[in-house]
N, C-alpha and C. Protein backbone atom coordinates (compact mmCIF):
# COMPACT_ATOMS: atom_id res chain seq x y z
N MET A 1 -18.85 -7.18 -10.39
CA MET A 1 -18.07 -8.15 -11.14
C MET A 1 -16.60 -8.02 -10.77
N ARG A 2 -16.00 -9.10 -10.34
CA ARG A 2 -14.61 -9.08 -9.94
C ARG A 2 -13.74 -9.51 -11.11
N GLN A 3 -12.74 -8.70 -11.39
CA GLN A 3 -11.80 -9.02 -12.46
C GLN A 3 -10.41 -9.13 -11.87
N ILE A 4 -9.68 -10.12 -12.27
CA ILE A 4 -8.29 -10.27 -11.86
C ILE A 4 -7.46 -10.43 -13.12
N PHE A 5 -6.46 -9.58 -13.23
CA PHE A 5 -5.56 -9.67 -14.36
C PHE A 5 -4.27 -10.28 -13.87
N THR A 6 -3.85 -11.35 -14.47
CA THR A 6 -2.60 -11.96 -14.12
C THR A 6 -1.60 -11.65 -15.22
N LYS A 7 -0.48 -11.07 -14.82
CA LYS A 7 0.54 -10.68 -15.77
C LYS A 7 1.87 -11.32 -15.38
N LYS A 8 2.69 -11.57 -16.37
CA LYS A 8 4.06 -11.94 -16.08
C LYS A 8 4.74 -10.63 -15.70
N MET A 9 5.31 -10.59 -14.53
CA MET A 9 5.87 -9.35 -14.04
C MET A 9 7.22 -9.06 -14.68
N THR A 10 7.29 -7.94 -15.34
CA THR A 10 8.54 -7.42 -15.89
C THR A 10 8.85 -6.15 -15.13
N ASN A 11 10.05 -5.63 -15.29
CA ASN A 11 10.40 -4.36 -14.64
C ASN A 11 9.43 -3.27 -15.05
N GLU A 12 9.02 -3.29 -16.31
CA GLU A 12 8.08 -2.28 -16.81
C GLU A 12 6.72 -2.39 -16.08
N ASN A 13 6.23 -3.62 -15.87
CA ASN A 13 4.97 -3.83 -15.15
C ASN A 13 5.08 -3.33 -13.71
N ILE A 14 6.21 -3.63 -13.08
CA ILE A 14 6.42 -3.23 -11.69
C ILE A 14 6.45 -1.71 -11.59
N ILE A 15 7.21 -1.06 -12.44
CA ILE A 15 7.32 0.40 -12.42
C ILE A 15 5.98 1.05 -12.76
N GLU A 16 5.27 0.49 -13.71
CA GLU A 16 3.95 1.01 -14.08
C GLU A 16 3.02 1.01 -12.87
N ASN A 17 3.04 -0.07 -12.09
CA ASN A 17 2.18 -0.15 -10.91
C ASN A 17 2.64 0.82 -9.83
N LEU A 18 3.95 0.95 -9.62
CA LEU A 18 4.47 1.89 -8.63
C LEU A 18 4.07 3.33 -8.97
N LYS A 19 4.08 3.65 -10.25
CA LYS A 19 3.75 5.01 -10.68
C LYS A 19 2.28 5.37 -10.49
N ARG A 20 1.45 4.41 -10.13
CA ARG A 20 0.04 4.71 -9.85
C ARG A 20 -0.11 5.56 -8.59
N CYS A 21 0.89 5.52 -7.73
CA CYS A 21 0.85 6.30 -6.50
C CYS A 21 1.14 7.77 -6.82
N PRO A 22 0.30 8.68 -6.34
CA PRO A 22 0.53 10.10 -6.60
C PRO A 22 1.80 10.63 -5.94
N LYS A 23 2.35 9.92 -4.98
CA LYS A 23 3.57 10.32 -4.28
C LYS A 23 4.83 9.75 -4.95
N PHE A 24 4.68 8.97 -6.01
CA PHE A 24 5.79 8.23 -6.61
C PHE A 24 7.00 9.10 -6.95
N GLU A 25 6.80 10.19 -7.65
CA GLU A 25 7.93 11.00 -8.14
C GLU A 25 8.81 11.53 -7.02
N GLY A 26 8.23 11.85 -5.87
CA GLY A 26 9.01 12.40 -4.77
C GLY A 26 9.31 11.40 -3.67
N CYS A 27 8.95 10.15 -3.88
CA CYS A 27 9.09 9.14 -2.84
C CYS A 27 10.47 8.49 -2.87
N SER A 28 11.02 8.27 -1.67
CA SER A 28 12.31 7.58 -1.58
C SER A 28 12.21 6.33 -0.70
N GLN A 29 10.98 5.90 -0.41
CA GLN A 29 10.80 4.72 0.43
C GLN A 29 11.10 3.46 -0.37
N ASN A 30 11.78 2.52 0.28
CA ASN A 30 12.16 1.28 -0.38
C ASN A 30 11.07 0.22 -0.29
N LEU A 31 10.14 0.38 0.64
CA LEU A 31 9.11 -0.62 0.85
C LEU A 31 7.75 -0.02 0.48
N CYS A 32 7.24 -0.42 -0.68
CA CYS A 32 6.01 0.16 -1.24
C CYS A 32 4.95 -0.93 -1.40
N PRO A 33 3.71 -0.65 -0.99
CA PRO A 33 2.65 -1.66 -1.12
C PRO A 33 2.28 -1.97 -2.56
N LEU A 34 2.64 -1.12 -3.50
CA LEU A 34 2.31 -1.38 -4.90
C LEU A 34 3.37 -2.21 -5.62
N ASP A 35 4.44 -2.53 -4.93
CA ASP A 35 5.56 -3.27 -5.51
C ASP A 35 5.23 -4.76 -5.59
N PHE A 36 5.20 -5.30 -6.80
CA PHE A 36 4.92 -6.72 -6.99
C PHE A 36 6.03 -7.61 -6.43
N GLU A 37 7.22 -7.04 -6.20
CA GLU A 37 8.34 -7.81 -5.67
C GLU A 37 8.73 -7.34 -4.27
N LEU A 38 7.75 -6.90 -3.50
CA LEU A 38 8.00 -6.38 -2.16
C LEU A 38 8.74 -7.37 -1.28
N GLU A 39 8.40 -8.64 -1.37
CA GLU A 39 9.03 -9.64 -0.50
C GLU A 39 10.54 -9.75 -0.72
N SER A 40 11.05 -9.27 -1.85
CA SER A 40 12.49 -9.33 -2.11
C SER A 40 13.20 -8.03 -1.71
N ARG A 41 12.48 -7.05 -1.18
CA ARG A 41 13.06 -5.77 -0.76
C ARG A 41 13.42 -5.82 0.72
N SER A 42 14.36 -4.99 1.11
CA SER A 42 14.72 -4.89 2.52
C SER A 42 14.77 -3.43 2.91
N GLY A 43 14.68 -3.19 4.19
CA GLY A 43 14.74 -1.82 4.68
C GLY A 43 14.33 -1.75 6.13
N SER A 44 14.55 -0.58 6.70
CA SER A 44 14.22 -0.36 8.11
C SER A 44 12.83 0.27 8.23
N THR A 45 12.46 0.59 9.43
CA THR A 45 11.17 1.23 9.68
C THR A 45 11.05 2.53 8.90
N GLN A 46 12.15 3.26 8.76
CA GLN A 46 12.14 4.52 8.02
C GLN A 46 11.93 4.33 6.53
N ASP A 47 12.12 3.13 6.03
CA ASP A 47 11.95 2.84 4.60
C ASP A 47 10.52 2.43 4.26
N LYS A 48 9.63 2.38 5.24
CA LYS A 48 8.26 1.94 5.01
C LYS A 48 7.41 3.06 4.43
N CYS A 49 6.55 2.71 3.53
CA CYS A 49 5.55 3.62 2.98
C CYS A 49 4.61 4.08 4.09
N ARG A 50 4.08 5.28 3.95
CA ARG A 50 3.12 5.83 4.93
C ARG A 50 1.93 4.91 5.16
N TYR A 51 1.58 4.10 4.16
CA TYR A 51 0.40 3.23 4.29
C TYR A 51 0.71 1.92 5.01
N PHE A 52 1.98 1.71 5.39
CA PHE A 52 2.36 0.57 6.22
C PHE A 52 2.35 0.94 7.70
N ARG A 53 2.52 2.22 7.99
CA ARG A 53 2.67 2.67 9.38
C ARG A 53 1.32 2.77 10.08
N GLU A 54 1.27 2.21 11.29
CA GLU A 54 0.06 2.30 12.11
C GLU A 54 0.00 3.68 12.76
N ALA A 55 -1.20 4.09 13.11
CA ALA A 55 -1.37 5.37 13.81
C ALA A 55 -0.70 5.28 15.18
N LYS A 56 -0.05 6.37 15.54
CA LYS A 56 0.64 6.42 16.84
C LYS A 56 0.12 7.64 17.59
N ARG A 57 -0.36 7.42 18.80
CA ARG A 57 -0.88 8.52 19.63
C ARG A 57 0.20 8.94 20.63
N THR A 58 0.40 10.26 20.71
CA THR A 58 1.38 10.81 21.64
C THR A 58 0.73 11.93 22.43
N ARG A 59 0.93 11.94 23.74
CA ARG A 59 0.40 13.01 24.59
C ARG A 59 1.55 13.94 24.96
N ILE A 60 1.29 15.23 24.78
CA ILE A 60 2.21 16.25 25.25
C ILE A 60 1.36 17.21 26.07
N GLY A 61 1.56 17.14 27.35
CA GLY A 61 0.70 17.91 28.25
C GLY A 61 -0.71 17.38 28.16
N LYS A 62 -1.65 18.28 27.91
CA LYS A 62 -3.07 17.88 27.80
C LYS A 62 -3.48 17.63 26.36
N ARG A 63 -2.56 17.77 25.44
CA ARG A 63 -2.89 17.59 24.02
C ARG A 63 -2.46 16.22 23.53
N GLU A 64 -3.26 15.68 22.64
CA GLU A 64 -2.94 14.38 22.05
C GLU A 64 -2.69 14.58 20.56
N PHE A 65 -1.62 13.98 20.08
CA PHE A 65 -1.25 14.06 18.67
C PHE A 65 -1.28 12.66 18.07
N ILE A 66 -1.76 12.57 16.84
CA ILE A 66 -1.80 11.29 16.13
C ILE A 66 -0.94 11.43 14.87
N SER A 67 -0.02 10.51 14.72
CA SER A 67 0.81 10.51 13.51
C SER A 67 0.74 9.13 12.87
N GLY A 68 0.93 9.09 11.57
CA GLY A 68 0.88 7.81 10.86
C GLY A 68 -0.55 7.32 10.71
N GLY A 69 -0.68 6.13 10.21
CA GLY A 69 -1.99 5.51 10.05
C GLY A 69 -2.80 6.04 8.89
N SER A 70 -2.13 6.64 7.90
CA SER A 70 -2.84 7.17 6.74
C SER A 70 -3.57 6.06 6.01
N ILE A 71 -4.80 6.35 5.57
CA ILE A 71 -5.56 5.38 4.79
C ILE A 71 -5.21 5.57 3.32
N MET A 72 -4.83 4.49 2.68
CA MET A 72 -4.49 4.54 1.26
C MET A 72 -5.71 4.94 0.45
N PRO A 73 -5.56 5.88 -0.48
CA PRO A 73 -6.70 6.28 -1.32
C PRO A 73 -7.22 5.11 -2.16
N ASP A 74 -8.54 5.08 -2.35
CA ASP A 74 -9.16 4.00 -3.14
C ASP A 74 -8.55 3.88 -4.53
N ALA A 75 -8.19 5.01 -5.11
CA ALA A 75 -7.67 5.01 -6.48
C ALA A 75 -6.43 4.14 -6.63
N ILE A 76 -5.65 4.02 -5.55
CA ILE A 76 -4.46 3.15 -5.65
C ILE A 76 -4.60 1.86 -4.86
N SER A 77 -5.51 1.83 -3.89
CA SER A 77 -5.71 0.60 -3.09
C SER A 77 -6.02 -0.60 -3.97
N LYS A 78 -6.79 -0.37 -5.00
CA LYS A 78 -7.20 -1.49 -5.84
C LYS A 78 -6.05 -2.10 -6.63
N PHE A 79 -4.88 -1.46 -6.60
CA PHE A 79 -3.72 -1.98 -7.32
C PHE A 79 -2.69 -2.63 -6.39
N VAL A 80 -3.02 -2.75 -5.11
CA VAL A 80 -2.12 -3.41 -4.17
C VAL A 80 -2.22 -4.91 -4.38
N PRO A 81 -1.11 -5.57 -4.69
CA PRO A 81 -1.15 -7.03 -4.85
C PRO A 81 -1.57 -7.69 -3.53
N GLU A 82 -2.36 -8.73 -3.62
CA GLU A 82 -2.86 -9.42 -2.43
C GLU A 82 -1.72 -9.90 -1.54
N SER A 83 -0.60 -10.24 -2.14
CA SER A 83 0.55 -10.71 -1.36
C SER A 83 1.13 -9.63 -0.44
N ASN A 84 0.80 -8.35 -0.69
CA ASN A 84 1.32 -7.26 0.14
C ASN A 84 0.33 -6.80 1.20
N LEU A 85 -0.84 -7.36 1.19
CA LEU A 85 -1.91 -6.93 2.09
C LEU A 85 -1.50 -6.98 3.56
N MET A 86 -0.81 -8.02 3.97
CA MET A 86 -0.47 -8.20 5.38
C MET A 86 0.40 -7.06 5.91
N ARG A 87 1.06 -6.32 5.03
CA ARG A 87 1.93 -5.23 5.49
C ARG A 87 1.22 -3.88 5.60
N LEU A 88 0.04 -3.75 5.02
CA LEU A 88 -0.68 -2.48 5.12
C LEU A 88 -1.08 -2.19 6.56
N ASN A 89 -1.22 -0.91 6.91
CA ASN A 89 -1.73 -0.59 8.24
C ASN A 89 -3.19 -1.04 8.31
N GLU A 90 -3.71 -1.14 9.52
CA GLU A 90 -5.06 -1.70 9.71
C GLU A 90 -6.14 -0.92 8.96
N ALA A 91 -6.06 0.42 8.97
CA ALA A 91 -7.07 1.23 8.29
C ALA A 91 -7.06 0.98 6.79
N SER A 92 -5.88 0.90 6.20
CA SER A 92 -5.78 0.66 4.75
C SER A 92 -6.19 -0.77 4.41
N LYS A 93 -5.86 -1.70 5.29
CA LYS A 93 -6.24 -3.10 5.09
C LYS A 93 -7.76 -3.26 5.08
N GLU A 94 -8.43 -2.60 6.03
CA GLU A 94 -9.89 -2.66 6.08
C GLU A 94 -10.50 -2.08 4.81
N ARG A 95 -9.97 -0.96 4.35
CA ARG A 95 -10.50 -0.35 3.14
C ARG A 95 -10.25 -1.25 1.93
N TRP A 96 -9.09 -1.89 1.88
CA TRP A 96 -8.76 -2.81 0.77
C TRP A 96 -9.80 -3.91 0.71
N HIS A 97 -10.17 -4.47 1.88
CA HIS A 97 -11.18 -5.53 1.92
C HIS A 97 -12.53 -5.01 1.45
N ASP A 98 -12.88 -3.79 1.84
CA ASP A 98 -14.15 -3.19 1.38
C ASP A 98 -14.16 -3.07 -0.14
N ILE A 99 -13.07 -2.61 -0.70
CA ILE A 99 -12.98 -2.46 -2.16
C ILE A 99 -13.10 -3.82 -2.84
N LYS A 100 -12.44 -4.82 -2.27
CA LYS A 100 -12.50 -6.16 -2.85
C LYS A 100 -13.93 -6.70 -2.83
N LYS A 101 -14.65 -6.46 -1.72
CA LYS A 101 -16.05 -6.89 -1.63
C LYS A 101 -16.91 -6.23 -2.69
N GLU A 102 -16.56 -4.99 -3.02
CA GLU A 102 -17.31 -4.25 -4.03
C GLU A 102 -16.96 -4.72 -5.45
N GLY A 103 -15.98 -5.62 -5.54
CA GLY A 103 -15.61 -6.18 -6.85
C GLY A 103 -14.71 -5.29 -7.67
N ILE A 104 -13.98 -4.40 -7.00
CA ILE A 104 -13.16 -3.44 -7.73
C ILE A 104 -11.69 -3.86 -7.78
N HIS A 105 -11.27 -4.81 -6.92
CA HIS A 105 -9.86 -5.22 -6.91
C HIS A 105 -9.45 -5.79 -8.26
N LEU A 106 -8.36 -5.30 -8.81
CA LEU A 106 -7.99 -5.66 -10.17
C LEU A 106 -6.78 -6.54 -10.34
N TYR A 107 -5.83 -6.50 -9.42
CA TYR A 107 -4.57 -7.19 -9.67
C TYR A 107 -4.33 -8.36 -8.76
N ASP A 108 -3.72 -9.36 -9.31
CA ASP A 108 -3.25 -10.52 -8.59
C ASP A 108 -1.83 -10.73 -9.08
N SER A 109 -0.86 -10.74 -8.20
CA SER A 109 0.54 -10.77 -8.62
C SER A 109 1.04 -12.15 -8.97
N LYS A 110 0.19 -13.15 -8.92
CA LYS A 110 0.64 -14.52 -9.21
C LYS A 110 0.89 -14.73 -10.68
């Protein structure tokens, strides 16, 4: 069963949703996928949440290192507003769609 809750967004609603992230208290990123007003925020690549960054492969000698591309945990994925989906990295975006198919997606920022 799919449920969508539509709320009038207040600062309290926005902050409540941001606090769902376990990294919230120590986070200084300006661009967060849980932000209902993400489209009004600005910032550089360094201001992006870990869940926006794609995986990057780097070779040093014979070793390969992968950085970025973290998959957003299901516990918070279901609170990402649909309007922010296009900014998630591919792995998190795929998982978001899986959760939505399962009928667990809860929020619509409209």
